[in-house]
């Protein structure tokens, strides 16, 4: 594995990790804010916090990896 491949791999992994952290945190916070609203909707009562958090984490993973590949593509061209 050459140095460029290692750098790209590091960029993708680090952006993906940050994406997972930010996506999971924001989804968890959004579900908590839903419970603290003045009027709790039926959507709040039926949503699964763990499932919502995992969905946010997976979205963050894809967003982070996409951002890393986009940045690498932009620097290359």
Protein backbone atom coordinates (compact mmCIF):
# COMPACT_ATOMS: atom_id res chain seq x y z
CA UNK A 1 0.00 0.00 0.00
CA UNK A 2 1.54 3.28 -1.07
CA UNK A 3 1.45 6.53 0.88
CA UNK A 4 -1.43 8.03 -1.14
CA UNK A 5 -3.64 5.02 -0.45
CA UNK A 6 -2.80 5.17 3.24
CA UNK A 7 -3.67 8.86 3.38
CA UNK A 8 -6.97 8.29 1.60
CA UNK A 9 -7.80 5.40 3.92
CA UNK A 10 -6.97 7.51 6.97
CA UNK A 11 -9.07 10.39 5.66
CA UNK A 12 -12.06 8.13 4.97
CA UNK A 13 -11.82 6.35 8.32
CA UNK A 14 -11.42 9.52 10.36
CA UNK A 15 -14.24 11.36 8.57
CA UNK A 16 -16.48 8.30 8.92
CA UNK A 17 -15.79 8.06 12.65
CA UNK A 18 -16.59 11.74 13.15
CA UNK A 19 -19.71 11.30 11.04
CA UNK A 20 -20.88 8.38 13.19
CA UNK A 21 -20.30 10.37 16.37
CA UNK A 22 -22.02 13.52 15.12
CA UNK A 23 -24.89 11.67 13.45
CA UNK A 24 -25.60 9.53 16.50
CA UNK A 25 -25.37 12.46 18.87
CA UNK A 26 -27.67 14.66 16.83
CA UNK A 27 -30.27 11.90 16.40
CA UNK A 28 -30.19 11.12 20.11
CA UNK A 29 -30.51 14.80 21.03
CA UNK A 30 -33.39 15.26 18.61
CA UNK A 31 -35.29 12.35 20.13
CA UNK A 32 -34.68 13.71 23.64
CA UNK A 33 -35.94 17.16 22.61
CA UNK A 34 -39.08 15.52 21.26
CA UNK A 35 -39.86 14.19 24.73
CA UNK A 36 -39.32 17.62 26.29
CA UNK A 37 -41.64 19.45 23.92
CA UNK A 38 -44.70 21.24 25.26
CA UNK A 39 -47.00 18.84 23.41
CA UNK A 40 -45.75 15.29 22.96
CA UNK A 41 -46.93 13.84 19.66
CA UNK A 42 -47.78 10.23 18.94
CA UNK A 43 -44.64 10.06 16.80
CA UNK A 44 -42.57 10.78 19.91
CA UNK A 45 -44.31 8.04 21.83
CA UNK A 46 -43.86 5.40 19.12
CA UNK A 47 -40.27 6.09 18.06
CA UNK A 48 -37.49 3.86 19.31
CA UNK A 49 -34.60 6.00 20.57
CA UNK A 50 -32.01 3.30 19.90
CA UNK A 51 -33.25 2.75 16.35
CA UNK A 52 -33.29 6.48 15.67
CA UNK A 53 -29.76 6.84 17.03
CA UNK A 54 -28.47 3.95 14.91
CA UNK A 55 -30.09 5.48 11.82
CA UNK A 56 -28.38 8.79 12.61
CA UNK A 57 -25.06 6.99 13.05
CA UNK A 58 -25.38 5.19 9.72
CA UNK A 59 -26.29 8.41 7.97
CA UNK A 60 -23.27 10.08 9.56
CA UNK A 61 -21.06 7.21 8.43
CA UNK A 62 -22.14 7.60 4.83
CA UNK A 63 -21.91 11.39 4.99
CA UNK A 64 -18.41 11.26 6.46
CA UNK A 65 -17.16 8.76 3.92
CA UNK A 66 -18.73 10.73 1.10
CA UNK A 67 -17.18 13.95 2.34
CA UNK A 68 -13.76 12.30 2.52
CA UNK A 69 -13.98 10.94 -1.00
CA UNK A 70 -15.27 14.30 -2.23
CA UNK A 71 -12.39 16.14 -0.59
CA UNK A 72 -9.85 13.67 -1.99
CA UNK A 73 -11.39 13.97 -5.46
CA UNK A 74 -11.30 17.77 -5.23
CA UNK A 75 -7.65 17.80 -4.18
CA UNK A 76 -6.70 15.38 -6.92
CA UNK A 77 -8.28 17.42 -9.71
